[in-house]
């Protein structure tokens, strides 16, 4: 049986306090096999992005268990979680989250430097070449198109060679053609490196490219949608 690299059991999470509190996740259980591509779909406010933040250890759950890459995240300190995330999880956001006063090369090298990597800039240069930006390494985010900025973000996520790649609306800020190119890159790199890909999207065509789709509504996972047939 294929190993479950992501295993959530009866996870619940409430954000906010008092009258403004929102029960965002309600008894969510989910297993994702190693190397699988899973698309999470559903209406705005259904809990999709919050679920990704739980998977990345950026939100602590109120109850239930979160086991990622064989490690239980419940009870980890912020420092332990940051170290774990740096080794195991790459994240691509809708809004790129690049540091504006750093070049593309420096943006990709940052997480490697923080992790004490022996050659952060060498790896960063190779990753930028791998996403087609070998000629843009010295450019700042403001000098890059939206598609190029997202490629830098993908290179940064890939650089530590994580087991899991998480993408939150990765094509949401891009035009259709550029979004398709970025999606092609994400799926290609995840497959090439045997990574587990979990992405949230409103784009049915993008979700349909995943091995399977998970539908969320009102903080719960609905019955899983049919898996995509593979040749």
C-alpha atoms as a PDB file:
ATOM      1  CA  UNK A   1       0.000   0.000   0.000  1.00  0.00           C
ATOM      2  CA  UNK A   2       1.303   3.481  -0.880  1.00  0.00           C
ATOM      3  CA  UNK A   3       2.447   5.476   2.141  1.00  0.00           C
ATOM      4  CA  UNK A   4       0.174   8.325   3.265  1.00  0.00           C
ATOM      5  CA  UNK A   5       2.487  11.318   3.426  1.00  0.00           C
ATOM      6  CA  UNK A   6      -0.406  13.470   4.711  1.00  0.00           C
ATOM      7  CA  UNK A   7      -2.781  12.082   7.340  1.00  0.00           C
ATOM      8  CA  UNK A   8      -5.403  14.238   9.040  1.00  0.00           C
ATOM      9  CA  UNK A   9      -7.826  12.704  11.532  1.00  0.00           C
ATOM     10  CA  UNK A  10     -10.918  14.509  12.889  1.00  0.00           C
ATOM     11  CA  UNK A  11      -9.315  17.947  12.580  1.00  0.00           C
ATOM     12  CA  UNK A  12     -11.284  20.962  13.792  1.00  0.00           C
ATOM     13  CA  UNK A  13     -10.216  24.598  13.883  1.00  0.00           C
ATOM     14  CA  UNK A  14     -11.948  27.797  14.988  1.00  0.00           C
ATOM     15  CA  UNK A  15     -10.485  31.185  14.077  1.00  0.00           C
ATOM     16  CA  UNK A  16     -11.255  34.385  15.972  1.00  0.00           C
ATOM     17  CA  UNK A  17     -12.799  34.765  19.402  1.00  0.00           C
ATOM     18  CA  UNK A  18     -16.210  35.336  20.910  1.00  0.00           C
ATOM     19  CA  UNK A  19     -18.933  36.597  18.608  1.00  0.00           C
ATOM     20  CA  UNK A  20     -16.466  36.931  15.717  1.00  0.00           C
ATOM     21  CA  UNK A  21     -15.241  33.336  15.900  1.00  0.00           C
ATOM     22  CA  UNK A  22     -15.688  31.110  12.858  1.00  0.00           C
ATOM     23  CA  UNK A  23     -15.612  27.308  12.924  1.00  0.00           C
ATOM     24  CA  UNK A  24     -13.469  26.989   9.786  1.00  0.00           C
ATOM     25  CA  UNK A  25     -12.682  23.256   9.771  1.00  0.00           C
ATOM     26  CA  UNK A  26     -15.087  20.654  11.140  1.00  0.00           C
ATOM     27  CA  UNK A  27     -13.928  17.081  11.798  1.00  0.00           C
ATOM     28  CA  UNK A  28     -11.794  16.913   8.655  1.00  0.00           C
ATOM     29  CA  UNK A  29     -10.081  13.610   7.910  1.00  0.00           C
ATOM     30  CA  UNK A  30      -7.860  13.241   4.853  1.00  0.00           C
ATOM     31  CA  UNK A  31      -5.123  10.897   3.646  1.00  0.00           C
ATOM     32  CA  UNK A  32      -2.899  11.809   0.704  1.00  0.00           C
ATOM     33  CA  UNK A  33      -0.542   9.194  -0.730  1.00  0.00           C
ATOM     34  CA  UNK A  34       3.098   9.937  -1.440  1.00  0.00           C
ATOM     35  CA  UNK A  35       3.520  11.299  -4.979  1.00  0.00           C
ATOM     36  CA  UNK A  36      -0.187  11.986  -5.448  1.00  0.00           C
ATOM     37  CA  UNK A  37      -1.545  15.232  -6.919  1.00  0.00           C
ATOM     38  CA  UNK A  38      -4.650  16.344  -5.026  1.00  0.00           C
ATOM     39  CA  UNK A  39      -6.845  19.292  -5.992  1.00  0.00           C
ATOM     40  CA  UNK A  40      -8.999  20.912  -3.311  1.00  0.00           C
ATOM     41  CA  UNK A  41     -12.064  22.691  -4.681  1.00  0.00           C
ATOM     42  CA  UNK A  42     -15.117  24.395  -3.236  1.00  0.00           C
ATOM     43  CA  UNK A  43     -16.752  27.803  -2.820  1.00  0.00           C
ATOM     44  CA  UNK A  44     -15.060  30.763  -1.150  1.00  0.00           C
ATOM     45  CA  UNK A  45     -15.126  30.417   2.620  1.00  0.00           C
ATOM     46  CA  UNK A  46     -15.354  26.624   2.538  1.00  0.00           C
ATOM     47  CA  UNK A  47     -12.052  26.198   4.401  1.00  0.00           C
ATOM     48  CA  UNK A  48      -9.774  25.255   1.484  1.00  0.00           C
ATOM     49  CA  UNK A  49      -6.940  27.672   2.178  1.00  0.00           C
ATOM     50  CA  UNK A  50      -7.145  27.112   5.925  1.00  0.00           C
ATOM     51  CA  UNK A  51      -6.762  23.389   5.311  1.00  0.00           C
ATOM     52  CA  UNK A  52      -3.566  24.111   3.364  1.00  0.00           C
ATOM     53  CA  UNK A  53      -2.275  26.242   6.233  1.00  0.00           C
ATOM     54  CA  UNK A  54      -2.903  23.331   8.608  1.00  0.00           C
ATOM     55  CA  UNK A  55      -1.002  20.988   6.286  1.00  0.00           C
ATOM     56  CA  UNK A  56       1.899  23.450   6.263  1.00  0.00           C
ATOM     57  CA  UNK A  57       1.846  23.839  10.038  1.00  0.00           C
ATOM     58  CA  UNK A  58       0.985  27.526   9.743  1.00  0.00           C
ATOM     59  CA  UNK A  59      -2.252  27.032  11.695  1.00  0.00           C
ATOM     60  CA  UNK A  60      -2.533  24.915  14.838  1.00  0.00           C
ATOM     61  CA  UNK A  61      -5.673  22.816  15.134  1.00  0.00           C
ATOM     62  CA  UNK A  62      -8.025  22.843  18.121  1.00  0.00           C
ATOM     63  CA  UNK A  63      -8.570  19.090  18.012  1.00  0.00           C
ATOM     64  CA  UNK A  64      -7.677  16.060  15.922  1.00  0.00           C
ATOM     65  CA  UNK A  65      -4.274  14.951  14.674  1.00  0.00           C
ATOM     66  CA  UNK A  66      -2.085  16.180  11.848  1.00  0.00           C
ATOM     67  CA  UNK A  67       0.662  13.836  10.674  1.00  0.00           C
ATOM     68  CA  UNK A  68       2.858  14.997   7.801  1.00  0.00           C
ATOM     69  CA  UNK A  69       5.748  13.011   6.317  1.00  0.00           C
ATOM     70  CA  UNK A  70       5.484  10.587   9.211  1.00  0.00           C
ATOM     71  CA  UNK A  71       5.727  13.263  11.927  1.00  0.00           C
ATOM     72  CA  UNK A  72       2.967  14.378  14.286  1.00  0.00           C
ATOM     73  CA  UNK A  73       2.668  18.168  14.093  1.00  0.00           C
ATOM     74  CA  UNK A  74       0.475  18.508  17.185  1.00  0.00           C
ATOM     75  CA  UNK A  75       2.545  19.909  20.033  1.00  0.00           C
ATOM     76  CA  UNK A  76       5.499  21.120  17.976  1.00  0.00           C
ATOM     77  CA  UNK A  77       6.867  24.534  18.964  1.00  0.00           C
ATOM     78  CA  UNK A  78       7.069  27.371  16.423  1.00  0.00           C
ATOM     79  CA  UNK A  79      10.813  26.787  16.006  1.00  0.00           C
ATOM     80  CA  UNK A  80      10.348  23.026  15.585  1.00  0.00           C
ATOM     81  CA  UNK A  81       7.581  23.640  13.078  1.00  0.00           C
ATOM     82  CA  UNK A  82       9.668  26.115  11.081  1.00  0.00           C
ATOM     83  CA  UNK A  83      12.521  23.613  10.910  1.00  0.00           C
ATOM     84  CA  UNK A  84      10.175  20.809   9.875  1.00  0.00           C
ATOM     85  CA  UNK A  85       8.526  22.970   7.212  1.00  0.00           C
ATOM     86  CA  UNK A  86      11.907  24.001   5.818  1.00  0.00           C
ATOM     87  CA  UNK A  87      12.846  20.347   5.282  1.00  0.00           C
ATOM     88  CA  UNK A  88       9.556  18.897   4.106  1.00  0.00           C
ATOM     89  CA  UNK A  89       7.128  21.463   2.674  1.00  0.00           C
ATOM     90  CA  UNK A  90       7.363  23.920  -0.207  1.00  0.00           C
ATOM     91  CA  UNK A  91       4.629  26.557  -0.487  1.00  0.00           C
ATOM     92  CA  UNK A  92       3.478  28.563  -3.510  1.00  0.00           C
ATOM     93  CA  UNK A  93       1.017  31.390  -2.812  1.00  0.00           C
ATOM     94  CA  UNK A  94      -1.358  33.228  -5.121  1.00  0.00           C
ATOM     95  CA  UNK A  95       0.372  36.558  -4.468  1.00  0.00           C
ATOM     96  CA  UNK A  96       3.957  35.311  -4.894  1.00  0.00           C
ATOM     97  CA  UNK A  97       5.231  36.671  -1.522  1.00  0.00           C
ATOM     98  CA  UNK A  98       8.620  37.648  -2.909  1.00  0.00           C
ATOM     99  CA  UNK A  99      10.867  40.049  -1.002  1.00  0.00           C
ATOM    100  CA  UNK A 100      10.855  43.223  -3.165  1.00  0.00           C
ATOM    101  CA  UNK A 101      14.378  44.445  -2.349  1.00  0.00           C
ATOM    102  CA  UNK A 102      15.982  41.085  -3.140  1.00  0.00           C
ATOM    103  CA  UNK A 103      16.863  39.723  -6.558  1.00  0.00           C
ATOM    104  CA  UNK A 104      15.291  36.545  -7.906  1.00  0.00           C
ATOM    105  CA  UNK A 105      18.471  34.668  -6.914  1.00  0.00           C
ATOM    106  CA  UNK A 106      18.393  36.055  -3.373  1.00  0.00           C
ATOM    107  CA  UNK A 107      14.682  35.271  -2.971  1.00  0.00           C
ATOM    108  CA  UNK A 108      15.265  31.625  -3.847  1.00  0.00           C
ATOM    109  CA  UNK A 109      18.403  31.390  -1.692  1.00  0.00           C
ATOM    110  CA  UNK A 110      16.772  32.763   1.492  1.00  0.00           C
ATOM    111  CA  UNK A 111      15.149  29.541   2.770  1.00  0.00           C
ATOM    112  CA  UNK A 112      18.329  27.617   1.977  1.00  0.00           C
ATOM    113  CA  UNK A 113      20.446  30.102   3.929  1.00  0.00           C
ATOM    114  CA  UNK A 114      18.067  29.902   6.874  1.00  0.00           C
ATOM    115  CA  UNK A 115      18.369  26.111   6.796  1.00  0.00           C
ATOM    116  CA  UNK A 116      22.181  26.320   6.814  1.00  0.00           C
ATOM    117  CA  UNK A 117      22.610  24.869   3.330  1.00  0.00           C
ATOM    118  CA  UNK A 118      26.230  24.614   2.197  1.00  0.00           C
ATOM    119  CA  UNK A 119      25.646  26.217  -1.229  1.00  0.00           C
ATOM    120  CA  UNK A 120      22.417  28.267  -1.186  1.00  0.00           C
ATOM    121  CA  UNK A 121      23.224  30.450  -4.176  1.00  0.00           C
ATOM    122  CA  UNK A 122      24.417  27.567  -6.324  1.00  0.00           C
ATOM    123  CA  UNK A 123      21.187  25.659  -5.672  1.00  0.00           C
ATOM    124  CA  UNK A 124      19.125  28.833  -6.197  1.00  0.00           C
ATOM    125  CA  UNK A 125      20.791  29.436  -9.556  1.00  0.00           C
ATOM    126  CA  UNK A 126      20.099  25.863 -10.672  1.00  0.00           C
ATOM    127  CA  UNK A 127      16.453  26.073  -9.602  1.00  0.00           C
ATOM    128  CA  UNK A 128      15.920  29.343 -11.475  1.00  0.00           C
ATOM    129  CA  UNK A 129      17.419  27.727 -14.573  1.00  0.00           C
ATOM    130  CA  UNK A 130      15.070  24.764 -14.094  1.00  0.00           C
ATOM    131  CA  UNK A 131      12.038  27.086 -14.226  1.00  0.00           C
ATOM    132  CA  UNK A 132      13.332  28.945 -17.283  1.00  0.00           C
ATOM    133  CA  UNK A 133      14.691  32.075 -15.595  1.00  0.00           C
ATOM    134  CA  UNK A 134      18.445  31.713 -16.082  1.00  0.00           C
ATOM    135  CA  UNK A 135      18.540  35.183 -17.680  1.00  0.00           C
ATOM    136  CA  UNK A 136      16.581  36.856 -14.852  1.00  0.00           C
ATOM    137  CA  UNK A 137      18.530  35.897 -11.732  1.00  0.00           C
ATOM    138  CA  UNK A 138      19.686  39.456 -10.986  1.00  0.00           C
ATOM    139  CA  UNK A 139      16.279  41.051 -11.569  1.00  0.00           C
ATOM    140  CA  UNK A 140      14.117  42.300  -8.715  1.00  0.00           C
ATOM    141  CA  UNK A 141      10.447  41.270  -8.407  1.00  0.00           C
ATOM    142  CA  UNK A 142       9.312  44.681  -9.665  1.00  0.00           C
ATOM    143  CA  UNK A 143      11.236  44.060 -12.886  1.00  0.00           C
ATOM    144  CA  UNK A 144       9.519  40.724 -13.528  1.00  0.00           C
ATOM    145  CA  UNK A 145       6.123  39.899 -15.012  1.00  0.00           C
ATOM    146  CA  UNK A 146       3.513  38.130 -12.875  1.00  0.00           C
ATOM    147  CA  UNK A 147       4.296  34.809 -14.515  1.00  0.00           C
ATOM    148  CA  UNK A 148       8.021  35.275 -13.924  1.00  0.00           C
ATOM    149  CA  UNK A 149       7.430  36.183 -10.282  1.00  0.00           C
ATOM    150  CA  UNK A 150       5.406  33.004  -9.805  1.00  0.00           C
ATOM    151  CA  UNK A 151       8.222  31.009 -11.411  1.00  0.00           C
ATOM    152  CA  UNK A 152      10.623  32.505  -8.863  1.00  0.00           C
ATOM    153  CA  UNK A 153       8.186  31.498  -6.123  1.00  0.00           C
ATOM    154  CA  UNK A 154       8.059  27.950  -7.511  1.00  0.00           C
ATOM    155  CA  UNK A 155      11.868  27.804  -7.660  1.00  0.00           C
ATOM    156  CA  UNK A 156      12.005  28.961  -4.028  1.00  0.00           C
ATOM    157  CA  UNK A 157       9.504  26.270  -3.008  1.00  0.00           C
ATOM    158  CA  UNK A 158      11.432  23.565  -4.877  1.00  0.00           C
ATOM    159  CA  UNK A 159      14.921  24.565  -3.738  1.00  0.00           C
ATOM    160  CA  UNK A 160      14.988  22.662  -0.412  1.00  0.00           C
ATOM    161  CA  UNK A 161      13.758  19.485  -2.215  1.00  0.00           C
ATOM    162  CA  UNK A 162      10.637  19.115  -0.053  1.00  0.00           C
ATOM    163  CA  UNK A 163       8.517  15.967  -0.033  1.00  0.00           C
ATOM    164  CA  UNK A 164       5.320  18.012  -0.291  1.00  0.00           C
ATOM    165  CA  UNK A 165       4.492  20.953  -2.548  1.00  0.00           C
ATOM    166  CA  UNK A 166       1.510  23.059  -1.471  1.00  0.00           C
ATOM    167  CA  UNK A 167      -0.014  25.612  -3.852  1.00  0.00           C
ATOM    168  CA  UNK A 168      -2.800  28.041  -2.914  1.00  0.00           C
ATOM    169  CA  UNK A 169      -4.493  29.397  -6.068  1.00  0.00           C
ATOM    170  CA  UNK A 170      -1.117  29.392  -7.890  1.00  0.00           C
ATOM    171  CA  UNK A 171      -2.617  30.757 -11.122  1.00  0.00           C
ATOM    172  CA  UNK A 172      -5.167  33.094  -9.517  1.00  0.00           C
ATOM    173  CA  UNK A 173      -3.274  36.322 -10.293  1.00  0.00           C
ATOM    174  CA  UNK A 174      -2.272  35.348 -13.818  1.00  0.00           C
ATOM    175  CA  UNK A 175      -3.916  35.571 -17.223  1.00  0.00           C
ATOM    176  CA  UNK A 176      -5.136  32.325 -18.765  1.00  0.00           C
ATOM    177  CA  UNK A 177      -2.144  31.623 -20.988  1.00  0.00           C
ATOM    178  CA  UNK A 178       0.436  32.447 -18.307  1.00  0.00           C
ATOM    179  CA  UNK A 179      -1.557  30.488 -15.746  1.00  0.00           C
ATOM    180  CA  UNK A 180      -1.476  27.435 -17.988  1.00  0.00           C
ATOM    181  CA  UNK A 181       2.306  27.709 -18.324  1.00  0.00           C
ATOM    182  CA  UNK A 182       2.745  28.007 -14.558  1.00  0.00           C
ATOM    183  CA  UNK A 183       0.426  25.022 -14.007  1.00  0.00           C
ATOM    184  CA  UNK A 184       2.415  22.984 -16.545  1.00  0.00           C
ATOM    185  CA  UNK A 185       5.584  23.834 -14.629  1.00  0.00           C
ATOM    186  CA  UNK A 186       4.098  22.894 -11.242  1.00  0.00           C
ATOM    187  CA  UNK A 187       2.826  19.519 -12.376  1.00  0.00           C
ATOM    188  CA  UNK A 188       5.987  18.751 -14.342  1.00  0.00           C
ATOM    189  CA  UNK A 189       8.352  19.534 -11.472  1.00  0.00           C
ATOM    190  CA  UNK A 190       6.248  17.665  -8.913  1.00  0.00           C
ATOM    191  CA  UNK A 191       6.132  14.576 -11.143  1.00  0.00           C
ATOM    192  CA  UNK A 192       9.797  14.811 -12.102  1.00  0.00           C
ATOM    193  CA  UNK A 193      10.869  14.892  -8.443  1.00  0.00           C
ATOM    194  CA  UNK A 194       8.273  12.508  -7.053  1.00  0.00           C
ATOM    195  CA  UNK A 195       6.740  15.192  -4.838  1.00  0.00           C
ATOM    196  CA  UNK A 196       3.261  15.108  -3.367  1.00  0.00           C
ATOM    197  CA  UNK A 197       1.279  18.071  -4.740  1.00  0.00           C
ATOM    198  CA  UNK A 198      -1.710  19.583  -2.956  1.00  0.00           C
ATOM    199  CA  UNK A 199      -3.335  22.602  -4.580  1.00  0.00           C
ATOM    200  CA  UNK A 200      -6.354  24.777  -3.940  1.00  0.00           C
ATOM    201  CA  UNK A 201      -7.993  26.228  -7.024  1.00  0.00           C
ATOM    202  CA  UNK A 202     -11.211  27.724  -8.350  1.00  0.00           C
ATOM    203  CA  UNK A 203     -10.211  26.636 -11.859  1.00  0.00           C
ATOM    204  CA  UNK A 204     -11.988  23.371 -12.812  1.00  0.00           C
ATOM    205  CA  UNK A 205      -9.508  22.726 -15.624  1.00  0.00           C
ATOM    206  CA  UNK A 206      -6.576  22.957 -13.214  1.00  0.00           C
ATOM    207  CA  UNK A 207      -8.264  20.737 -10.621  1.00  0.00           C
ATOM    208  CA  UNK A 208      -9.048  18.173 -13.324  1.00  0.00           C
ATOM    209  CA  UNK A 209      -5.321  17.704 -13.944  1.00  0.00           C
ATOM    210  CA  UNK A 210      -4.879  16.281 -10.427  1.00  0.00           C
ATOM    211  CA  UNK A 211      -4.924  12.583  -9.646  1.00  0.00           C
ATOM    212  CA  UNK A 212      -8.039  13.234  -7.569  1.00  0.00           C
ATOM    213  CA  UNK A 213     -10.183  16.112  -6.357  1.00  0.00           C
ATOM    214  CA  UNK A 214     -11.461  16.818  -2.854  1.00  0.00           C
ATOM    215  CA  UNK A 215     -14.545  19.039  -2.558  1.00  0.00           C
ATOM    216  CA  UNK A 216     -15.026  21.200   0.539  1.00  0.00           C
ATOM    217  CA  UNK A 217     -18.107  22.989   1.752  1.00  0.00           C
ATOM    218  CA  UNK A 218     -18.741  24.789   5.043  1.00  0.00           C
ATOM    219  CA  UNK A 219     -15.549  23.485   6.620  1.00  0.00           C
ATOM    220  CA  UNK A 220     -16.133  19.845   5.775  1.00  0.00           C
ATOM    221  CA  UNK A 221     -14.854  17.506   3.106  1.00  0.00           C
ATOM    222  CA  UNK A 222     -17.688  16.265   0.955  1.00  0.00           C
ATOM    223  CA  UNK A 223     -17.581  12.874  -0.740  1.00  0.00           C
ATOM    224  CA  UNK A 224     -14.335  12.756  -2.772  1.00  0.00           C
ATOM    225  CA  UNK A 225     -14.820  13.358  -6.466  1.00  0.00           C
ATOM    226  CA  UNK A 226     -13.891  10.655  -8.927  1.00  0.00           C
ATOM    227  CA  UNK A 227     -10.195  10.156  -9.463  1.00  0.00           C
ATOM    228  CA  UNK A 228      -8.834  11.139 -12.846  1.00  0.00           C
ATOM    229  CA  UNK A 229      -8.227   8.134 -15.039  1.00  0.00           C
ATOM    230  CA  UNK A 230      -4.614   7.596 -15.930  1.00  0.00           C
ATOM    231  CA  UNK A 231      -3.308   5.790 -18.966  1.00  0.00           C
END
